[in-house]
N, C-alpha and C. Protein backbone atom coordinates (compact mmCIF):
# COMPACT_ATOMS: atom_id res chain seq x y z
N MET A 1 108.42 -140.70 115.38
CA MET A 1 109.23 -141.60 114.57
C MET A 1 108.62 -141.72 113.18
N LYS A 2 109.40 -141.55 112.17
CA LYS A 2 108.91 -141.61 110.81
C LYS A 2 109.33 -142.91 110.16
N THR A 3 108.40 -143.60 109.53
CA THR A 3 108.69 -144.86 108.87
C THR A 3 108.56 -144.69 107.37
N ILE A 4 109.52 -145.22 106.63
CA ILE A 4 109.54 -145.07 105.18
C ILE A 4 109.58 -146.45 104.54
N ALA A 5 108.75 -146.69 103.57
CA ALA A 5 108.79 -147.93 102.80
C ALA A 5 108.98 -147.55 101.36
N LYS A 6 109.97 -148.13 100.70
CA LYS A 6 110.22 -147.76 99.32
C LYS A 6 110.95 -148.87 98.59
N PRO A 7 110.70 -148.99 97.25
CA PRO A 7 111.43 -149.98 96.46
C PRO A 7 112.86 -149.54 96.34
N VAL A 8 113.78 -150.50 96.26
CA VAL A 8 115.18 -150.17 96.16
C VAL A 8 115.77 -150.85 94.94
N ALA A 9 116.58 -150.13 94.17
CA ALA A 9 117.20 -150.71 93.00
C ALA A 9 118.19 -151.77 93.44
N GLY A 10 118.29 -152.86 92.70
CA GLY A 10 119.18 -153.96 93.03
C GLY A 10 118.61 -154.64 94.24
N LEU A 11 119.35 -155.04 95.19
CA LEU A 11 118.80 -155.64 96.40
C LEU A 11 119.12 -154.72 97.56
N ALA A 12 118.14 -154.22 98.24
CA ALA A 12 118.38 -153.21 99.24
C ALA A 12 118.73 -153.81 100.57
N LEU A 13 119.75 -153.38 101.23
CA LEU A 13 120.05 -153.76 102.59
C LEU A 13 121.20 -152.95 103.12
N ALA A 14 121.56 -153.26 104.45
CA ALA A 14 122.69 -152.54 104.93
C ALA A 14 123.00 -152.74 106.38
N LEU A 15 124.15 -152.42 106.91
CA LEU A 15 124.34 -152.50 108.35
C LEU A 15 125.49 -151.71 108.85
N ILE A 16 126.15 -151.90 109.68
CA ILE A 16 126.74 -151.21 110.77
C ILE A 16 127.55 -150.01 110.46
N CYS A 17 127.77 -149.41 111.33
CA CYS A 17 128.23 -148.08 111.28
C CYS A 17 129.65 -147.95 110.82
N ALA A 18 129.74 -147.23 109.75
CA ALA A 18 131.04 -146.76 109.34
C ALA A 18 131.16 -145.48 110.11
N ALA A 19 130.50 -145.48 111.28
CA ALA A 19 130.46 -144.28 112.10
C ALA A 19 131.86 -143.76 112.32
N CYS A 20 132.79 -144.68 112.35
CA CYS A 20 134.18 -144.27 112.36
C CYS A 20 134.72 -144.74 111.03
N SER A 21 135.13 -143.79 110.18
CA SER A 21 135.47 -144.13 108.82
C SER A 21 136.60 -145.14 108.74
N HIS A 22 137.42 -145.21 109.78
CA HIS A 22 138.54 -146.13 109.75
C HIS A 22 138.19 -147.50 110.30
N ILE A 23 136.92 -147.71 110.71
CA ILE A 23 136.51 -148.99 111.24
C ILE A 23 135.45 -149.59 110.34
N PRO A 24 135.69 -150.75 109.70
CA PRO A 24 134.67 -151.37 108.86
C PRO A 24 133.56 -151.91 109.73
N LEU A 25 132.49 -152.44 109.09
CA LEU A 25 131.34 -152.90 109.83
C LEU A 25 131.71 -153.71 111.05
N PHE A 26 132.51 -154.75 110.86
CA PHE A 26 132.94 -155.55 111.99
C PHE A 26 134.24 -155.02 112.55
N GLY A 27 134.77 -153.94 112.00
CA GLY A 27 135.88 -153.24 112.59
C GLY A 27 137.23 -153.89 112.42
N ARG A 28 137.68 -154.18 111.17
CA ARG A 28 139.01 -154.74 111.01
C ARG A 28 140.03 -153.77 111.58
N GLY A 29 140.92 -154.31 112.37
CA GLY A 29 141.95 -153.48 112.97
C GLY A 29 141.40 -152.59 114.06
N GLY A 30 140.09 -152.77 114.37
CA GLY A 30 139.45 -151.91 115.36
C GLY A 30 138.98 -152.72 116.53
N GLY A 31 137.71 -152.41 116.95
CA GLY A 31 137.17 -153.08 118.09
C GLY A 31 137.42 -152.35 119.38
N LYS A 32 138.08 -151.15 119.28
CA LYS A 32 138.37 -150.41 120.51
C LYS A 32 137.18 -149.58 120.92
N ASP A 33 136.97 -149.47 122.23
CA ASP A 33 135.83 -148.71 122.72
C ASP A 33 135.89 -147.27 122.26
N GLU A 34 137.12 -146.66 122.27
CA GLU A 34 137.18 -145.26 121.90
C GLU A 34 136.81 -145.06 120.45
N ALA A 35 137.11 -146.04 119.61
CA ALA A 35 136.74 -145.90 118.20
C ALA A 35 135.25 -145.96 118.05
N ALA A 36 134.60 -146.81 118.88
CA ALA A 36 133.16 -146.94 118.79
C ALA A 36 132.46 -145.67 119.17
N ALA A 37 133.06 -144.89 120.04
CA ALA A 37 132.42 -143.68 120.52
C ALA A 37 132.72 -142.47 119.65
N ALA A 38 133.50 -142.64 118.59
CA ALA A 38 133.86 -141.52 117.73
C ALA A 38 132.65 -141.01 116.99
N ALA A 39 132.74 -139.74 116.51
CA ALA A 39 131.61 -139.15 115.79
C ALA A 39 131.40 -139.86 114.48
N PRO A 40 130.13 -139.96 114.00
CA PRO A 40 129.84 -140.63 112.74
C PRO A 40 130.57 -139.95 111.59
N ALA A 41 131.00 -140.79 110.63
CA ALA A 41 131.66 -140.24 109.44
C ALA A 41 130.64 -139.64 108.52
N GLU A 42 131.11 -138.88 107.54
CA GLU A 42 130.21 -138.25 106.57
C GLU A 42 129.40 -139.32 105.86
N LYS A 43 128.10 -139.10 105.71
CA LYS A 43 127.22 -140.09 105.12
C LYS A 43 127.59 -140.33 103.65
N PRO A 44 127.51 -141.62 103.19
CA PRO A 44 127.83 -141.90 101.79
C PRO A 44 126.76 -141.37 100.87
N ALA A 45 127.12 -141.11 99.62
CA ALA A 45 126.15 -140.66 98.63
C ALA A 45 125.11 -141.74 98.43
N PRO A 46 123.83 -141.36 98.19
CA PRO A 46 122.76 -142.35 98.02
C PRO A 46 123.10 -143.43 97.02
N ALA A 47 123.80 -143.09 95.95
CA ALA A 47 124.08 -144.08 94.91
C ALA A 47 124.93 -145.21 95.43
N ALA A 48 125.71 -144.97 96.48
CA ALA A 48 126.62 -145.99 96.97
C ALA A 48 125.89 -147.16 97.59
N VAL A 49 124.67 -146.94 98.09
CA VAL A 49 123.93 -148.00 98.75
C VAL A 49 123.58 -149.11 97.78
N ALA A 50 123.35 -148.76 96.53
CA ALA A 50 122.93 -149.75 95.56
C ALA A 50 124.09 -150.53 94.97
N LYS A 51 125.31 -150.16 95.30
CA LYS A 51 126.48 -150.82 94.74
C LYS A 51 127.03 -151.85 95.70
N THR A 52 127.72 -152.84 95.15
CA THR A 52 128.36 -153.86 95.95
C THR A 52 129.86 -153.70 95.83
N GLU A 53 130.56 -153.52 96.94
CA GLU A 53 132.00 -153.35 96.91
C GLU A 53 132.68 -154.64 96.49
N ALA A 54 133.78 -154.49 95.75
CA ALA A 54 134.55 -155.66 95.37
C ALA A 54 135.28 -156.17 96.59
N ALA A 55 135.12 -157.44 96.91
CA ALA A 55 135.77 -158.00 98.07
C ALA A 55 135.77 -159.50 97.94
N THR A 56 136.45 -160.18 98.84
CA THR A 56 136.50 -161.63 98.84
C THR A 56 135.60 -162.14 99.95
N PRO A 57 134.61 -163.04 99.71
CA PRO A 57 134.31 -163.58 98.39
C PRO A 57 133.54 -162.60 97.54
N ALA A 58 133.77 -162.56 96.23
CA ALA A 58 133.11 -161.61 95.35
C ALA A 58 131.67 -162.02 95.12
N ALA A 59 130.78 -161.03 95.07
CA ALA A 59 129.36 -161.31 94.83
C ALA A 59 129.14 -161.57 93.35
N PRO A 60 128.31 -162.56 92.98
CA PRO A 60 128.00 -162.83 91.58
C PRO A 60 127.28 -161.64 90.98
N PRO A 61 127.29 -161.48 89.66
CA PRO A 61 126.59 -160.37 89.02
C PRO A 61 125.11 -160.43 89.29
N ALA A 62 124.46 -159.25 89.30
CA ALA A 62 123.05 -159.17 89.65
C ALA A 62 122.18 -160.00 88.72
N ASP A 63 122.55 -160.11 87.43
CA ASP A 63 121.70 -160.83 86.50
C ASP A 63 121.76 -162.33 86.70
N ALA A 64 122.64 -162.78 87.62
CA ALA A 64 122.73 -164.21 87.90
C ALA A 64 121.85 -164.61 89.07
N VAL A 65 121.22 -163.64 89.69
CA VAL A 65 120.43 -163.89 90.89
C VAL A 65 119.10 -164.55 90.55
N GLY A 66 118.75 -165.59 91.30
CA GLY A 66 117.47 -166.25 91.10
C GLY A 66 116.42 -165.59 91.94
N ALA A 67 115.98 -164.41 91.57
CA ALA A 67 115.01 -163.67 92.38
C ALA A 67 113.90 -163.13 91.51
N ARG A 68 112.74 -162.87 92.14
CA ARG A 68 111.60 -162.34 91.41
C ARG A 68 111.04 -161.15 92.17
N GLY A 69 110.64 -160.10 91.46
CA GLY A 69 110.01 -158.96 92.09
C GLY A 69 111.01 -157.97 92.64
N ALA A 70 110.53 -156.73 92.84
CA ALA A 70 111.40 -155.66 93.34
C ALA A 70 111.56 -155.77 94.85
N PRO A 71 112.78 -155.72 95.36
CA PRO A 71 113.00 -155.75 96.81
C PRO A 71 112.51 -154.46 97.44
N THR A 72 112.19 -154.50 98.70
CA THR A 72 111.71 -153.31 99.40
C THR A 72 112.49 -153.10 100.68
N ARG A 73 112.43 -151.86 101.19
CA ARG A 73 113.12 -151.52 102.43
C ARG A 73 112.21 -150.65 103.27
N VAL A 74 112.25 -150.85 104.58
CA VAL A 74 111.52 -150.01 105.52
C VAL A 74 112.53 -149.48 106.53
N GLU A 75 112.46 -148.18 106.80
CA GLU A 75 113.41 -147.56 107.73
C GLU A 75 112.65 -146.75 108.78
N ALA A 76 113.18 -146.72 109.98
CA ALA A 76 112.65 -145.85 111.03
C ALA A 76 113.78 -145.59 112.01
N SER A 77 113.78 -144.40 112.59
CA SER A 77 114.82 -144.12 113.57
C SER A 77 114.37 -143.04 114.54
N ALA A 78 115.01 -143.04 115.70
CA ALA A 78 114.82 -142.03 116.74
C ALA A 78 116.14 -141.99 117.49
N PRO A 79 116.34 -141.01 118.38
CA PRO A 79 117.63 -140.93 119.08
C PRO A 79 118.08 -142.23 119.72
N GLY A 80 117.13 -143.03 120.23
CA GLY A 80 117.52 -144.28 120.89
C GLY A 80 117.02 -145.52 120.19
N HIS A 81 116.77 -145.42 118.88
CA HIS A 81 116.15 -146.56 118.19
C HIS A 81 116.52 -146.58 116.71
N ILE A 82 116.78 -147.78 116.19
CA ILE A 82 116.95 -147.99 114.75
C ILE A 82 116.10 -149.19 114.36
N GLU A 83 115.36 -149.07 113.28
CA GLU A 83 114.58 -150.18 112.75
C GLU A 83 114.82 -150.27 111.25
N LEU A 84 115.41 -151.37 110.82
CA LEU A 84 115.69 -151.59 109.41
C LEU A 84 115.09 -152.93 109.00
N LYS A 85 114.35 -152.93 107.89
CA LYS A 85 113.74 -154.16 107.41
C LYS A 85 113.94 -154.26 105.90
N TYR A 86 114.24 -155.48 105.44
CA TYR A 86 114.47 -155.73 104.02
C TYR A 86 113.70 -156.98 103.60
N ALA A 87 113.29 -157.01 102.33
CA ALA A 87 112.56 -158.17 101.83
C ALA A 87 112.87 -158.37 100.35
N PHE A 88 112.98 -159.63 99.95
CA PHE A 88 113.17 -159.95 98.53
C PHE A 88 112.62 -161.34 98.25
N GLN A 89 112.43 -161.63 96.99
CA GLN A 89 111.97 -162.94 96.56
C GLN A 89 113.09 -163.67 95.86
N SER A 90 113.14 -164.98 96.04
CA SER A 90 114.17 -165.80 95.42
C SER A 90 113.53 -167.04 94.81
N SER A 91 114.12 -167.52 93.74
CA SER A 91 113.64 -168.75 93.12
C SER A 91 114.10 -169.98 93.90
N ALA A 92 114.99 -169.79 94.87
CA ALA A 92 115.49 -170.90 95.69
C ALA A 92 114.46 -171.32 96.73
N ALA A 93 114.43 -172.62 97.04
CA ALA A 93 113.52 -173.15 98.05
C ALA A 93 113.95 -172.69 99.44
N PRO A 94 113.02 -172.65 100.42
CA PRO A 94 113.33 -172.18 101.77
C PRO A 94 114.53 -172.87 102.42
N ASP A 95 114.63 -174.19 102.31
CA ASP A 95 115.75 -174.89 102.93
C ASP A 95 117.08 -174.43 102.35
N ARG A 96 117.09 -174.17 101.06
CA ARG A 96 118.32 -173.72 100.40
C ARG A 96 118.70 -172.31 100.87
N VAL A 97 117.70 -171.46 101.02
CA VAL A 97 117.96 -170.10 101.50
C VAL A 97 118.51 -170.13 102.92
N TYR A 98 117.91 -170.94 103.78
CA TYR A 98 118.36 -171.04 105.17
C TYR A 98 119.81 -171.52 105.24
N THR A 99 120.12 -172.54 104.45
CA THR A 99 121.48 -173.06 104.43
C THR A 99 122.47 -171.98 104.00
N ALA A 100 122.06 -171.16 103.04
CA ALA A 100 122.93 -170.07 102.59
C ALA A 100 123.14 -169.04 103.69
N ILE A 101 122.08 -168.69 104.40
CA ILE A 101 122.18 -167.68 105.46
C ILE A 101 123.19 -168.11 106.52
N ILE A 102 123.10 -169.35 106.98
CA ILE A 102 123.99 -169.78 108.06
C ILE A 102 125.42 -170.02 107.56
N GLY A 103 125.60 -170.11 106.26
CA GLY A 103 126.94 -170.22 105.69
C GLY A 103 127.53 -168.84 105.46
N VAL A 104 127.52 -168.01 106.47
CA VAL A 104 127.85 -166.59 106.36
C VAL A 104 129.25 -166.34 105.79
N ALA A 105 130.17 -167.26 106.01
CA ALA A 105 131.54 -167.08 105.51
C ALA A 105 131.60 -167.06 103.99
N ARG A 106 130.56 -167.58 103.32
CA ARG A 106 130.57 -167.68 101.87
C ARG A 106 130.07 -166.43 101.16
N TRP A 107 129.36 -165.57 101.88
CA TRP A 107 128.79 -164.40 101.20
C TRP A 107 129.05 -163.06 101.90
N TRP A 108 129.46 -163.07 103.15
CA TRP A 108 129.73 -161.81 103.85
C TRP A 108 130.96 -161.13 103.25
N ASP A 109 130.96 -159.82 103.22
CA ASP A 109 132.06 -159.05 102.65
C ASP A 109 133.27 -159.05 103.59
N SER A 110 134.40 -159.48 103.08
CA SER A 110 135.61 -159.54 103.91
C SER A 110 136.03 -158.19 104.47
N SER A 111 135.67 -157.11 103.77
CA SER A 111 136.07 -155.79 104.25
C SER A 111 135.32 -155.39 105.51
N HIS A 112 134.29 -156.13 105.87
CA HIS A 112 133.54 -155.86 107.10
C HIS A 112 133.78 -156.97 108.11
N THR A 113 135.03 -157.34 108.27
CA THR A 113 135.46 -158.29 109.30
C THR A 113 136.67 -157.71 110.02
N TYR A 114 136.97 -158.22 111.20
CA TYR A 114 138.16 -157.78 111.92
C TYR A 114 139.42 -158.35 111.28
N SER A 115 139.33 -159.57 110.79
CA SER A 115 140.51 -160.26 110.26
C SER A 115 140.80 -159.92 108.81
N GLY A 116 139.82 -159.33 108.12
CA GLY A 116 140.00 -159.03 106.71
C GLY A 116 139.72 -160.21 105.81
N ASN A 117 139.16 -161.29 106.36
CA ASN A 117 138.89 -162.50 105.57
C ASN A 117 137.61 -163.15 106.09
N ALA A 118 136.57 -163.14 105.26
CA ALA A 118 135.27 -163.69 105.67
C ALA A 118 135.33 -165.18 105.95
N SER A 119 136.34 -165.87 105.43
CA SER A 119 136.45 -167.31 105.68
C SER A 119 136.73 -167.61 107.16
N ASN A 120 137.08 -166.59 107.92
CA ASN A 120 137.30 -166.77 109.36
C ASN A 120 136.01 -166.68 110.17
N LEU A 121 134.89 -166.41 109.50
CA LEU A 121 133.59 -166.33 110.17
C LEU A 121 132.97 -167.72 110.29
N SER A 122 132.21 -167.93 111.35
CA SER A 122 131.46 -169.18 111.52
C SER A 122 130.17 -168.87 112.26
N LEU A 123 129.13 -169.66 111.99
CA LEU A 123 127.85 -169.45 112.65
C LEU A 123 127.31 -170.81 113.09
N ASP A 124 127.25 -171.01 114.39
CA ASP A 124 126.72 -172.24 114.99
C ASP A 124 125.21 -172.07 115.13
N ALA A 125 124.46 -172.59 114.16
CA ALA A 125 123.02 -172.32 114.06
C ALA A 125 122.20 -173.18 115.02
N ARG A 126 122.31 -172.89 116.29
CA ARG A 126 121.49 -173.51 117.33
C ARG A 126 121.39 -172.51 118.48
N ALA A 127 120.34 -172.64 119.29
CA ALA A 127 120.14 -171.70 120.39
C ALA A 127 121.39 -171.62 121.26
N GLY A 128 121.87 -170.39 121.47
CA GLY A 128 123.08 -170.19 122.24
C GLY A 128 124.34 -170.25 121.41
N GLY A 129 124.19 -170.59 120.13
CA GLY A 129 125.34 -170.69 119.24
C GLY A 129 125.96 -169.34 118.93
N CYS A 130 127.21 -169.36 118.52
CA CYS A 130 127.96 -168.13 118.29
C CYS A 130 128.17 -167.84 116.81
N TRP A 131 127.93 -166.59 116.43
CA TRP A 131 128.42 -166.08 115.15
C TRP A 131 129.76 -165.46 115.52
N CYS A 132 130.82 -166.17 115.23
CA CYS A 132 132.14 -165.79 115.72
C CYS A 132 133.13 -165.59 114.58
N GLU A 133 134.28 -165.03 114.93
CA GLU A 133 135.36 -164.83 113.98
C GLU A 133 136.69 -165.13 114.66
N GLN A 134 137.52 -165.93 113.98
CA GLN A 134 138.85 -166.24 114.48
C GLN A 134 139.86 -165.23 113.96
N LEU A 135 140.76 -164.80 114.82
CA LEU A 135 141.79 -163.84 114.44
C LEU A 135 143.14 -164.53 114.33
N ALA A 136 144.03 -163.94 113.53
CA ALA A 136 145.32 -164.56 113.24
C ALA A 136 146.19 -164.74 114.47
N ASP A 137 146.04 -163.87 115.46
CA ASP A 137 146.90 -163.94 116.65
C ASP A 137 146.35 -164.89 117.72
N GLY A 138 145.35 -165.69 117.34
CA GLY A 138 144.75 -166.61 118.29
C GLY A 138 143.55 -166.02 119.01
N GLY A 139 143.25 -164.76 118.74
CA GLY A 139 142.10 -164.11 119.35
C GLY A 139 140.80 -164.48 118.64
N SER A 140 139.71 -163.95 119.11
CA SER A 140 138.41 -164.23 118.51
C SER A 140 137.43 -163.11 118.84
N VAL A 141 136.37 -163.04 118.05
CA VAL A 141 135.33 -162.03 118.23
C VAL A 141 133.97 -162.72 118.16
N GLN A 142 133.10 -162.41 119.10
CA GLN A 142 131.72 -162.87 119.03
C GLN A 142 130.88 -161.73 118.49
N HIS A 143 130.36 -161.89 117.29
CA HIS A 143 129.56 -160.84 116.68
C HIS A 143 128.11 -160.89 117.16
N MET A 144 127.52 -162.09 117.21
CA MET A 144 126.14 -162.24 117.64
C MET A 144 125.95 -163.61 118.28
N THR A 145 124.83 -163.76 119.00
CA THR A 145 124.47 -165.03 119.62
C THR A 145 123.12 -165.48 119.08
N VAL A 146 122.99 -166.75 118.74
CA VAL A 146 121.75 -167.28 118.19
C VAL A 146 120.69 -167.41 119.29
N LEU A 147 119.52 -166.83 119.05
CA LEU A 147 118.39 -166.94 119.98
C LEU A 147 117.45 -168.05 119.55
N SER A 148 117.16 -168.13 118.25
CA SER A 148 116.25 -169.15 117.72
C SER A 148 116.75 -169.60 116.36
N ALA A 149 116.71 -170.91 116.13
CA ALA A 149 117.11 -171.47 114.84
C ALA A 149 116.06 -172.48 114.41
N MET A 150 115.34 -172.16 113.35
CA MET A 150 114.29 -173.02 112.82
C MET A 150 114.57 -173.24 111.34
N PRO A 151 115.26 -174.33 111.00
CA PRO A 151 115.69 -174.58 109.62
C PRO A 151 114.57 -174.41 108.60
N GLY A 152 114.89 -173.66 107.55
CA GLY A 152 113.93 -173.43 106.48
C GLY A 152 112.88 -172.38 106.79
N ARG A 153 112.89 -171.84 108.02
CA ARG A 153 111.85 -170.88 108.40
C ARG A 153 112.36 -169.58 109.02
N MET A 154 113.25 -169.69 110.02
CA MET A 154 113.62 -168.48 110.74
C MET A 154 114.95 -168.64 111.47
N LEU A 155 115.70 -167.54 111.53
CA LEU A 155 116.93 -167.49 112.31
C LEU A 155 116.96 -166.13 113.01
N ARG A 156 117.11 -166.14 114.33
CA ARG A 156 117.14 -164.89 115.10
C ARG A 156 118.42 -164.85 115.95
N LEU A 157 119.08 -163.69 115.89
CA LEU A 157 120.33 -163.51 116.61
C LEU A 157 120.31 -162.21 117.39
N SER A 158 121.12 -162.15 118.44
CA SER A 158 121.21 -160.95 119.27
C SER A 158 122.65 -160.45 119.28
N GLY A 159 122.81 -159.12 119.13
CA GLY A 159 124.15 -158.56 119.23
C GLY A 159 124.31 -157.27 118.46
N GLY A 160 125.08 -156.35 119.01
CA GLY A 160 125.40 -155.11 118.31
C GLY A 160 126.63 -155.33 117.45
N LEU A 161 126.48 -155.15 116.15
CA LEU A 161 127.59 -155.37 115.23
C LEU A 161 128.53 -154.17 115.18
N GLY A 162 129.79 -154.46 114.88
CA GLY A 162 130.77 -153.40 114.72
C GLY A 162 130.87 -152.51 115.94
N PRO A 163 130.92 -151.18 115.74
CA PRO A 163 131.04 -150.23 116.85
C PRO A 163 129.91 -150.35 117.87
N LEU A 164 128.75 -150.86 117.46
CA LEU A 164 127.63 -151.00 118.39
C LEU A 164 127.95 -152.00 119.49
N GLN A 165 128.94 -152.85 119.26
CA GLN A 165 129.30 -153.84 120.27
C GLN A 165 129.79 -153.19 121.56
N ALA A 166 130.39 -152.00 121.43
CA ALA A 166 130.95 -151.31 122.59
C ALA A 166 129.95 -150.39 123.27
N ALA A 167 128.73 -150.31 122.75
CA ALA A 167 127.71 -149.42 123.31
C ALA A 167 126.66 -150.23 124.07
N PRO A 168 126.02 -149.63 125.08
CA PRO A 168 124.99 -150.33 125.85
C PRO A 168 123.66 -150.36 125.09
N VAL A 169 123.63 -151.14 124.01
CA VAL A 169 122.43 -151.25 123.20
C VAL A 169 121.97 -152.70 123.17
N THR A 170 120.70 -152.88 122.87
CA THR A 170 120.13 -154.20 122.61
C THR A 170 119.81 -154.25 121.12
N ALA A 171 120.31 -155.26 120.44
CA ALA A 171 120.10 -155.36 118.99
C ALA A 171 119.70 -156.79 118.62
N VAL A 172 118.68 -156.91 117.79
CA VAL A 172 118.18 -158.23 117.38
C VAL A 172 118.04 -158.26 115.86
N MET A 173 118.61 -159.29 115.25
CA MET A 173 118.49 -159.51 113.81
C MET A 173 117.64 -160.76 113.58
N THR A 174 116.62 -160.65 112.73
CA THR A 174 115.75 -161.78 112.45
C THR A 174 115.65 -162.01 110.95
N TRP A 175 115.91 -163.23 110.55
CA TRP A 175 115.72 -163.66 109.16
C TRP A 175 114.47 -164.53 109.10
N THR A 176 113.57 -164.25 108.17
CA THR A 176 112.39 -165.08 107.99
C THR A 176 112.35 -165.58 106.55
N ILE A 177 111.87 -166.80 106.38
CA ILE A 177 111.79 -167.42 105.05
C ILE A 177 110.42 -168.07 104.91
N LYS A 178 109.70 -167.71 103.86
CA LYS A 178 108.39 -168.29 103.60
C LYS A 178 108.35 -168.82 102.17
N ARG A 179 107.72 -169.97 102.02
CA ARG A 179 107.60 -170.53 100.68
C ARG A 179 106.68 -169.66 99.84
N ALA A 180 107.07 -169.42 98.60
CA ALA A 180 106.28 -168.65 97.64
C ALA A 180 106.33 -169.39 96.31
N GLY A 181 105.32 -170.21 96.05
CA GLY A 181 105.34 -171.04 94.86
C GLY A 181 106.46 -172.06 94.97
N THR A 182 107.35 -172.07 93.98
CA THR A 182 108.51 -172.96 94.04
C THR A 182 109.72 -172.27 94.66
N GLY A 183 109.56 -171.00 95.01
CA GLY A 183 110.66 -170.23 95.57
C GLY A 183 110.41 -169.79 97.00
N SER A 184 110.95 -168.63 97.36
CA SER A 184 110.86 -168.16 98.74
C SER A 184 110.69 -166.65 98.81
N GLU A 185 110.04 -166.20 99.87
CA GLU A 185 110.02 -164.80 100.25
C GLU A 185 110.95 -164.68 101.47
N VAL A 186 111.94 -163.82 101.36
CA VAL A 186 112.95 -163.70 102.41
C VAL A 186 112.88 -162.31 103.05
N GLY A 187 112.89 -162.27 104.35
CA GLY A 187 112.88 -160.99 105.06
C GLY A 187 113.99 -160.93 106.09
N MET A 188 114.51 -159.75 106.32
CA MET A 188 115.51 -159.55 107.38
C MET A 188 115.23 -158.24 108.08
N SER A 189 115.27 -158.26 109.39
CA SER A 189 115.11 -157.03 110.17
C SER A 189 116.25 -156.91 111.17
N TYR A 190 116.62 -155.66 111.45
CA TYR A 190 117.63 -155.39 112.48
C TYR A 190 117.10 -154.25 113.33
N LEU A 191 116.80 -154.56 114.58
CA LEU A 191 116.21 -153.60 115.51
C LEU A 191 117.21 -153.30 116.62
N VAL A 192 117.45 -152.02 116.86
CA VAL A 192 118.43 -151.60 117.86
C VAL A 192 117.81 -150.57 118.79
N ASP A 193 117.98 -150.77 120.09
CA ASP A 193 117.53 -149.81 121.10
C ASP A 193 118.63 -149.60 122.13
N GLY A 194 118.71 -148.38 122.66
CA GLY A 194 119.68 -148.11 123.71
C GLY A 194 120.45 -146.83 123.47
N TYR A 195 121.53 -146.68 124.21
CA TYR A 195 122.34 -145.46 124.13
C TYR A 195 123.53 -145.64 123.20
N TYR A 196 123.72 -144.66 122.31
CA TYR A 196 124.92 -144.60 121.48
C TYR A 196 125.35 -143.13 121.44
N PRO A 197 126.63 -142.83 121.64
CA PRO A 197 127.09 -141.44 121.65
C PRO A 197 126.62 -140.67 120.43
N GLY A 198 125.89 -139.58 120.65
CA GLY A 198 125.37 -138.79 119.54
C GLY A 198 123.99 -139.22 119.08
N GLY A 199 123.51 -140.38 119.54
CA GLY A 199 122.18 -140.85 119.17
C GLY A 199 122.23 -141.88 118.05
N LEU A 200 121.44 -142.93 118.17
CA LEU A 200 121.40 -143.98 117.15
C LEU A 200 120.91 -143.47 115.81
N ASP A 201 120.05 -142.45 115.83
CA ASP A 201 119.54 -141.92 114.56
C ASP A 201 120.66 -141.32 113.72
N LYS A 202 121.75 -140.94 114.35
CA LYS A 202 122.87 -140.35 113.63
C LYS A 202 123.65 -141.38 112.82
N VAL A 203 123.55 -142.65 113.22
CA VAL A 203 124.32 -143.69 112.52
C VAL A 203 123.44 -144.64 111.71
N ARG A 204 122.13 -144.38 111.71
CA ARG A 204 121.22 -145.29 111.01
C ARG A 204 121.59 -145.48 109.55
N ASP A 205 121.90 -144.39 108.83
CA ASP A 205 122.20 -144.50 107.41
C ASP A 205 123.45 -145.34 107.17
N ASP A 206 124.43 -145.23 108.07
CA ASP A 206 125.65 -146.01 107.93
C ASP A 206 125.37 -147.50 108.17
N VAL A 207 124.56 -147.77 109.18
CA VAL A 207 124.17 -149.15 109.47
C VAL A 207 123.41 -149.73 108.28
N ASP A 208 122.49 -148.95 107.75
CA ASP A 208 121.69 -149.38 106.60
C ASP A 208 122.58 -149.65 105.39
N ALA A 209 123.57 -148.79 105.17
CA ALA A 209 124.42 -148.93 103.99
C ALA A 209 125.19 -150.25 104.01
N VAL A 210 125.67 -150.65 105.17
CA VAL A 210 126.44 -151.89 105.26
C VAL A 210 125.53 -153.11 105.19
N LEU A 211 124.43 -153.09 105.93
CA LEU A 211 123.53 -154.24 105.95
C LEU A 211 122.91 -154.50 104.58
N SER A 212 122.52 -153.44 103.89
CA SER A 212 121.89 -153.63 102.59
C SER A 212 122.86 -154.28 101.62
N GLN A 213 124.12 -153.94 101.74
CA GLN A 213 125.13 -154.56 100.88
C GLN A 213 125.24 -156.06 101.16
N GLN A 214 125.19 -156.43 102.43
CA GLN A 214 125.33 -157.84 102.77
C GLN A 214 124.12 -158.65 102.30
N VAL A 215 122.94 -158.07 102.40
CA VAL A 215 121.74 -158.78 101.94
C VAL A 215 121.80 -158.96 100.42
N GLU A 216 122.30 -157.96 99.73
CA GLU A 216 122.47 -158.07 98.28
C GLU A 216 123.43 -159.21 97.94
N ARG A 217 124.50 -159.31 98.70
CA ARG A 217 125.47 -160.37 98.46
C ARG A 217 124.87 -161.74 98.74
N LEU A 218 124.06 -161.84 99.79
CA LEU A 218 123.38 -163.11 100.08
C LEU A 218 122.45 -163.48 98.94
N ARG A 219 121.67 -162.52 98.49
CA ARG A 219 120.71 -162.79 97.42
C ARG A 219 121.43 -163.30 96.17
N ALA A 220 122.54 -162.65 95.84
CA ALA A 220 123.31 -163.07 94.68
C ALA A 220 123.89 -164.47 94.87
N TYR A 221 124.36 -164.73 96.08
CA TYR A 221 124.95 -166.05 96.37
C TYR A 221 123.89 -167.15 96.25
N VAL A 222 122.72 -166.92 96.82
CA VAL A 222 121.65 -167.92 96.75
C VAL A 222 121.27 -168.20 95.30
N GLY A 223 121.31 -167.18 94.47
CA GLY A 223 120.90 -167.35 93.08
C GLY A 223 121.87 -168.10 92.21
N THR A 224 123.09 -168.34 92.71
CA THR A 224 124.10 -169.00 91.88
C THR A 224 124.67 -170.26 92.52
N HIS A 225 124.12 -170.67 93.67
CA HIS A 225 124.64 -171.87 94.35
C HIS A 225 123.49 -172.82 94.72
């Protein structure tokens, strides 16, 4: 397994598989098992990772972000494993960062939802709580389940996002927040183990591309609210 640590322009992050090009991260209009098992789509050009797609809610401009220092990313993968880690600094206090994280409907990209509208997302930040999405037809989707919630310090959730939901994998996302002067050091990791058709290493770049975009949007949101 090869691990890479490198600085990333803008705010580096990313997540779930556009493994099926017609299914967004959370799979709007998707969610079918057969779609999840489809072959990964062509990998996006490297430059695309550093960009933020226009969507509702729109991310504030990068120069409005209250952050200090260059963000970093660590990647590792194997046929049955994905490890993605991101870190950045913010001028916002830890409690403010935590509040922003759990307010996922305010910064998540609508194009990576089933309903097409991030305002339908909710996160019940307590052990056993649901990161869920309401659908227009009365349906709903559980994206992740809260394992640990420690205000101002840490939030840990379990669940395979997007197409990974239909695969027999174990996936854990952990957000950590540490005070740094008057601001915060923020970290996020997404670890995935298990079976995915074609191997998890084949979809790592797609997962990274989506997650990195969401972390960038969070960072921008924290810097302007």
